[in-house]
């Protein structure tokens, strides 16, 4: 009825928009940290032995093999931080399944 009355009074380009109050459920959610595929970082001593091994075509002396096994058995750089990272807390909002309330209609027109 409103649109018809506006047209009778010389308005054109009518546009009606529904405005509705929408409630959201807001909660803090813990999300797991995605795994990272970072390369393993060797200690400087292990890195130097690996360089020697690669320079010699993959061959090491028995003493170097023993030293390499000892070094690779030790903790590598960053192994202290290999425990599971703590989940990140984020604020999450989602609409309620049922919306209660009423709609409001806004009509725009040009004269």
N, C-alpha and C. Protein backbone atom coordinates (compact mmCIF):
# COMPACT_ATOMS: atom_id res chain seq x y z
N UNK A 1 0.82 -1.20 0.00
CA UNK A 1 0.00 0.00 0.00
C UNK A 1 0.86 1.26 0.00
N UNK A 2 1.95 1.22 0.73
CA UNK A 2 2.81 2.40 0.80
C UNK A 2 3.41 2.70 -0.57
N UNK A 3 3.89 1.68 -1.25
CA UNK A 3 4.49 1.88 -2.56
C UNK A 3 3.48 2.43 -3.56
N UNK A 4 2.25 1.92 -3.51
CA UNK A 4 1.21 2.41 -4.42
C UNK A 4 0.93 3.89 -4.14
N UNK A 5 0.86 4.28 -2.89
CA UNK A 5 0.61 5.68 -2.53
C UNK A 5 1.77 6.57 -2.99
N UNK A 6 2.98 6.09 -2.87
CA UNK A 6 4.12 6.88 -3.31
C UNK A 6 4.09 7.07 -4.83
N UNK A 7 3.75 6.01 -5.58
CA UNK A 7 3.66 6.13 -7.04
C UNK A 7 2.58 7.12 -7.45
N UNK A 8 1.43 7.07 -6.78
CA UNK A 8 0.34 8.02 -7.10
C UNK A 8 0.76 9.46 -6.88
N UNK A 9 1.69 9.67 -5.96
CA UNK A 9 2.13 11.04 -5.64
C UNK A 9 3.40 11.44 -6.38
N UNK A 10 3.77 10.69 -7.45
CA UNK A 10 4.85 11.13 -8.32
C UNK A 10 6.22 10.58 -7.98
N UNK A 11 6.31 9.62 -7.11
CA UNK A 11 7.61 9.03 -6.77
C UNK A 11 7.92 7.89 -7.73
N UNK A 12 9.19 7.67 -7.99
CA UNK A 12 9.61 6.56 -8.84
C UNK A 12 10.87 5.93 -8.23
N UNK A 13 11.39 4.89 -8.88
CA UNK A 13 12.58 4.16 -8.39
C UNK A 13 12.42 3.74 -6.93
N UNK A 14 11.29 3.13 -6.65
CA UNK A 14 11.03 2.68 -5.29
C UNK A 14 11.87 1.44 -4.96
N UNK A 15 12.34 1.43 -3.74
CA UNK A 15 13.13 0.29 -3.27
C UNK A 15 12.81 0.07 -1.80
N UNK A 16 12.41 -1.15 -1.46
CA UNK A 16 12.07 -1.49 -0.08
C UNK A 16 13.08 -2.49 0.45
N UNK A 17 13.58 -2.23 1.65
CA UNK A 17 14.58 -3.08 2.29
C UNK A 17 14.03 -3.53 3.64
N UNK A 18 14.21 -4.83 3.93
CA UNK A 18 13.79 -5.35 5.23
C UNK A 18 14.95 -5.23 6.21
N UNK A 19 14.70 -4.61 7.34
CA UNK A 19 15.71 -4.48 8.39
C UNK A 19 15.25 -5.34 9.56
N UNK A 20 16.12 -6.24 9.98
CA UNK A 20 15.73 -7.16 11.04
C UNK A 20 16.86 -7.26 12.05
N UNK A 21 16.51 -7.16 13.31
CA UNK A 21 17.49 -7.31 14.37
C UNK A 21 17.88 -8.77 14.46
N UNK A 22 19.16 -9.05 14.38
CA UNK A 22 19.62 -10.43 14.40
C UNK A 22 20.56 -10.61 15.58
N UNK A 23 20.22 -11.50 16.48
CA UNK A 23 21.05 -11.75 17.64
C UNK A 23 22.10 -12.80 17.32
N UNK A 24 23.25 -12.66 17.95
CA UNK A 24 24.35 -13.60 17.75
C UNK A 24 24.79 -14.17 19.09
N UNK A 25 25.17 -15.44 19.05
CA UNK A 25 25.76 -16.10 20.20
C UNK A 25 27.26 -15.86 20.10
N UNK A 26 27.85 -15.27 21.13
CA UNK A 26 29.28 -14.94 21.12
C UNK A 26 29.96 -15.74 22.23
N UNK A 27 31.04 -16.42 21.88
CA UNK A 27 31.77 -17.21 22.88
C UNK A 27 33.25 -17.25 22.52
N UNK A 28 34.06 -17.48 23.53
CA UNK A 28 35.49 -17.65 23.33
C UNK A 28 35.73 -19.12 23.01
N UNK A 29 36.42 -19.41 21.90
CA UNK A 29 36.63 -20.77 21.44
C UNK A 29 38.13 -21.03 21.33
N UNK A 30 38.55 -22.23 21.74
CA UNK A 30 39.95 -22.61 21.60
C UNK A 30 40.13 -23.37 20.30
N UNK A 31 41.03 -22.89 19.46
CA UNK A 31 41.33 -23.55 18.19
C UNK A 31 42.74 -24.12 18.24
N UNK A 32 42.93 -25.35 17.76
CA UNK A 32 44.28 -25.91 17.76
C UNK A 32 45.16 -25.17 16.75
N UNK A 33 46.42 -25.09 17.09
CA UNK A 33 47.38 -24.45 16.19
C UNK A 33 47.71 -25.45 15.08
N UNK A 34 47.62 -25.03 13.82
CA UNK A 34 47.92 -25.97 12.73
C UNK A 34 49.39 -26.36 12.75
N UNK A 35 49.68 -27.58 12.31
CA UNK A 35 51.08 -28.02 12.31
C UNK A 35 51.90 -27.25 11.29
N UNK A 36 53.15 -27.07 11.62
CA UNK A 36 54.05 -26.41 10.67
C UNK A 36 55.03 -27.45 10.17
N UNK A 37 55.33 -27.41 8.93
CA UNK A 37 56.28 -28.35 8.33
C UNK A 37 57.64 -27.67 8.17
N UNK A 38 58.14 -27.16 9.28
CA UNK A 38 59.44 -26.48 9.24
C UNK A 38 60.55 -27.52 9.18
N UNK A 39 61.62 -27.23 8.47
CA UNK A 39 62.72 -28.17 8.41
C UNK A 39 63.42 -28.27 9.76
N UNK A 40 64.02 -29.41 10.02
CA UNK A 40 64.74 -29.63 11.27
C UNK A 40 66.04 -28.84 11.20
N UNK A 41 66.35 -28.14 12.28
CA UNK A 41 67.58 -27.35 12.33
C UNK A 41 68.57 -28.10 13.23
N UNK A 42 69.69 -28.50 12.66
CA UNK A 42 70.72 -29.22 13.40
C UNK A 42 71.59 -28.24 14.16
N UNK A 43 72.24 -28.74 15.20
CA UNK A 43 73.20 -27.91 15.93
C UNK A 43 74.37 -27.61 15.00
N UNK A 44 75.18 -26.66 15.38
CA UNK A 44 76.32 -26.27 14.53
C UNK A 44 77.31 -27.42 14.36
N UNK A 45 77.53 -28.20 15.45
CA UNK A 45 78.48 -29.31 15.37
C UNK A 45 77.97 -30.37 14.39
N UNK A 46 76.67 -30.70 14.50
CA UNK A 46 76.11 -31.71 13.60
C UNK A 46 76.10 -31.20 12.17
N UNK A 47 75.85 -29.91 11.99
CA UNK A 47 75.86 -29.34 10.64
C UNK A 47 77.24 -29.44 10.02
N UNK A 48 78.28 -29.19 10.80
CA UNK A 48 79.65 -29.24 10.25
C UNK A 48 80.00 -30.67 9.85
N UNK A 49 79.57 -31.66 10.62
CA UNK A 49 79.84 -33.06 10.26
C UNK A 49 79.05 -33.43 9.00
N UNK A 50 77.82 -32.97 8.88
CA UNK A 50 77.03 -33.25 7.68
C UNK A 50 77.67 -32.62 6.45
N UNK A 51 78.27 -31.45 6.60
CA UNK A 51 78.96 -30.81 5.47
C UNK A 51 80.16 -31.65 5.03
N UNK A 52 80.90 -32.15 6.00
CA UNK A 52 82.05 -33.00 5.69
C UNK A 52 81.58 -34.27 4.99
N UNK A 53 80.49 -34.87 5.51
CA UNK A 53 79.97 -36.10 4.92
C UNK A 53 79.56 -35.87 3.47
N UNK A 54 78.86 -34.77 3.21
CA UNK A 54 78.43 -34.47 1.84
C UNK A 54 79.62 -34.17 0.93
N UNK A 55 80.64 -33.49 1.48
CA UNK A 55 81.83 -33.17 0.68
C UNK A 55 82.60 -34.44 0.31
N UNK A 56 82.52 -35.48 1.15
CA UNK A 56 83.24 -36.73 0.88
C UNK A 56 82.35 -37.77 0.20
N UNK A 57 81.30 -37.34 -0.42
CA UNK A 57 80.42 -38.27 -1.14
C UNK A 57 79.62 -39.16 -0.22
N UNK A 58 79.30 -38.68 0.99
CA UNK A 58 78.51 -39.47 1.93
C UNK A 58 79.31 -40.41 2.78
N UNK A 59 80.66 -40.33 2.70
CA UNK A 59 81.52 -41.25 3.45
C UNK A 59 82.16 -40.52 4.62
N UNK A 60 82.11 -41.17 5.81
CA UNK A 60 82.76 -40.63 7.01
C UNK A 60 83.68 -41.70 7.60
N UNK A 61 84.69 -41.24 8.32
CA UNK A 61 85.56 -42.17 9.04
C UNK A 61 84.79 -42.75 10.22
N UNK A 62 85.25 -43.86 10.77
CA UNK A 62 84.54 -44.44 11.93
C UNK A 62 84.40 -43.47 13.10
N UNK A 63 85.44 -42.66 13.34
CA UNK A 63 85.36 -41.67 14.43
C UNK A 63 84.28 -40.62 14.12
N UNK A 64 84.23 -40.17 12.87
CA UNK A 64 83.23 -39.17 12.47
C UNK A 64 81.82 -39.77 12.54
N UNK A 65 81.68 -41.05 12.18
CA UNK A 65 80.38 -41.71 12.27
C UNK A 65 79.89 -41.78 13.71
N UNK A 66 80.82 -42.09 14.62
CA UNK A 66 80.46 -42.17 16.03
C UNK A 66 80.07 -40.79 16.58
N UNK A 67 80.87 -39.79 16.19
CA UNK A 67 80.58 -38.42 16.65
C UNK A 67 79.24 -37.94 16.08
N UNK A 68 78.99 -38.28 14.82
CA UNK A 68 77.72 -37.89 14.18
C UNK A 68 76.54 -38.54 14.90
N UNK A 69 76.65 -39.82 15.23
CA UNK A 69 75.57 -40.53 15.93
C UNK A 69 75.31 -39.90 17.29
N UNK A 70 76.39 -39.52 17.99
CA UNK A 70 76.23 -38.87 19.29
C UNK A 70 75.52 -37.53 19.15
N UNK A 71 75.94 -36.74 18.17
CA UNK A 71 75.36 -35.41 18.00
C UNK A 71 73.90 -35.48 17.55
N UNK A 72 73.60 -36.40 16.65
CA UNK A 72 72.22 -36.51 16.18
C UNK A 72 71.31 -37.09 17.26
N UNK A 73 71.89 -37.81 18.21
CA UNK A 73 71.10 -38.34 19.33
C UNK A 73 70.77 -37.26 20.34
N UNK A 74 71.57 -36.19 20.38
CA UNK A 74 71.31 -35.09 21.30
C UNK A 74 70.13 -34.27 20.78
N UNK A 75 69.70 -33.36 21.65
CA UNK A 75 68.60 -32.49 21.22
C UNK A 75 69.05 -31.57 20.11
N UNK A 76 68.19 -31.38 19.14
CA UNK A 76 68.46 -30.46 18.05
C UNK A 76 67.96 -29.08 18.46
N UNK A 77 68.41 -28.08 17.74
CA UNK A 77 67.95 -26.72 18.02
C UNK A 77 66.44 -26.66 17.91
N UNK A 78 65.80 -26.07 18.92
CA UNK A 78 64.36 -25.89 18.86
C UNK A 78 63.58 -27.08 19.38
N UNK A 79 64.25 -28.19 19.77
CA UNK A 79 63.52 -29.35 20.28
C UNK A 79 62.82 -29.05 21.60
N UNK A 80 63.32 -28.06 22.34
CA UNK A 80 62.67 -27.70 23.59
C UNK A 80 61.25 -27.22 23.35
N UNK A 81 61.00 -26.69 22.17
CA UNK A 81 59.70 -26.13 21.85
C UNK A 81 58.83 -27.11 21.07
N UNK A 82 59.24 -28.39 20.99
CA UNK A 82 58.49 -29.36 20.21
C UNK A 82 57.23 -29.85 20.89
N UNK A 83 57.01 -29.45 22.16
CA UNK A 83 55.79 -29.87 22.83
C UNK A 83 54.59 -29.25 22.10
N UNK A 84 53.44 -29.82 22.34
CA UNK A 84 52.23 -29.34 21.66
C UNK A 84 52.01 -27.86 21.95
N UNK A 85 51.85 -27.04 20.92
CA UNK A 85 51.58 -25.62 21.16
C UNK A 85 50.20 -25.45 21.79
N UNK A 86 50.09 -24.44 22.63
CA UNK A 86 48.81 -24.19 23.28
C UNK A 86 47.79 -23.72 22.26
N UNK A 87 46.54 -24.15 22.41
CA UNK A 87 45.50 -23.71 21.47
C UNK A 87 45.31 -22.20 21.56
N UNK A 88 44.94 -21.60 20.44
CA UNK A 88 44.69 -20.15 20.39
C UNK A 88 43.24 -19.90 20.78
N UNK A 89 43.00 -18.88 21.59
CA UNK A 89 41.64 -18.51 21.96
C UNK A 89 41.19 -17.37 21.05
N UNK A 90 40.05 -17.56 20.42
CA UNK A 90 39.48 -16.53 19.55
C UNK A 90 38.04 -16.30 19.94
N UNK A 91 37.55 -15.12 19.65
CA UNK A 91 36.16 -14.79 19.90
C UNK A 91 35.36 -15.16 18.66
N UNK A 92 34.33 -15.97 18.84
CA UNK A 92 33.55 -16.49 17.72
C UNK A 92 32.09 -16.07 17.88
N UNK A 93 31.47 -15.66 16.80
CA UNK A 93 30.06 -15.25 16.83
C UNK A 93 29.29 -16.03 15.78
N UNK A 94 28.12 -16.53 16.16
CA UNK A 94 27.25 -17.23 15.22
C UNK A 94 25.81 -16.87 15.52
N UNK A 95 24.96 -16.80 14.50
CA UNK A 95 23.57 -16.42 14.74
C UNK A 95 22.82 -17.54 15.44
N UNK A 96 21.82 -17.16 16.21
CA UNK A 96 20.95 -18.15 16.84
C UNK A 96 20.15 -18.87 15.76
N UNK A 97 19.76 -20.10 16.03
CA UNK A 97 19.02 -20.89 15.04
C UNK A 97 17.66 -20.27 14.74
N UNK A 98 17.00 -19.75 15.77
CA UNK A 98 15.69 -19.12 15.56
C UNK A 98 15.80 -17.64 15.85
N UNK A 99 15.21 -16.85 14.97
CA UNK A 99 15.23 -15.40 15.16
C UNK A 99 13.84 -14.95 15.60
N UNK A 100 13.81 -14.32 16.74
CA UNK A 100 12.54 -13.79 17.23
C UNK A 100 12.56 -12.28 17.09
N UNK A 101 11.40 -11.71 17.10
CA UNK A 101 11.31 -10.27 16.99
C UNK A 101 10.46 -9.90 15.80
N UNK A 102 10.59 -8.68 15.34
CA UNK A 102 9.79 -8.24 14.21
C UNK A 102 10.68 -7.61 13.15
N UNK A 103 10.14 -7.50 11.97
CA UNK A 103 10.86 -6.89 10.86
C UNK A 103 10.45 -5.45 10.72
N UNK A 104 11.34 -4.67 10.23
CA UNK A 104 11.04 -3.27 9.88
C UNK A 104 11.33 -3.13 8.38
N UNK A 105 10.50 -2.42 7.67
CA UNK A 105 10.68 -2.23 6.24
C UNK A 105 10.98 -0.76 5.98
N UNK A 106 12.06 -0.49 5.26
CA UNK A 106 12.43 0.87 4.87
C UNK A 106 12.20 1.00 3.37
N UNK A 107 11.48 2.03 3.00
CA UNK A 107 11.20 2.25 1.57
C UNK A 107 11.88 3.54 1.15
N UNK A 108 12.62 3.46 0.04
CA UNK A 108 13.32 4.61 -0.51
C UNK A 108 12.73 4.90 -1.88
N UNK A 109 12.55 6.17 -2.18
CA UNK A 109 11.97 6.56 -3.46
C UNK A 109 12.55 7.89 -3.92
N UNK A 110 12.46 8.14 -5.22
CA UNK A 110 12.95 9.39 -5.81
C UNK A 110 11.78 10.14 -6.39
N UNK A 111 11.76 11.45 -6.23
CA UNK A 111 10.67 12.27 -6.78
C UNK A 111 11.17 13.07 -7.94
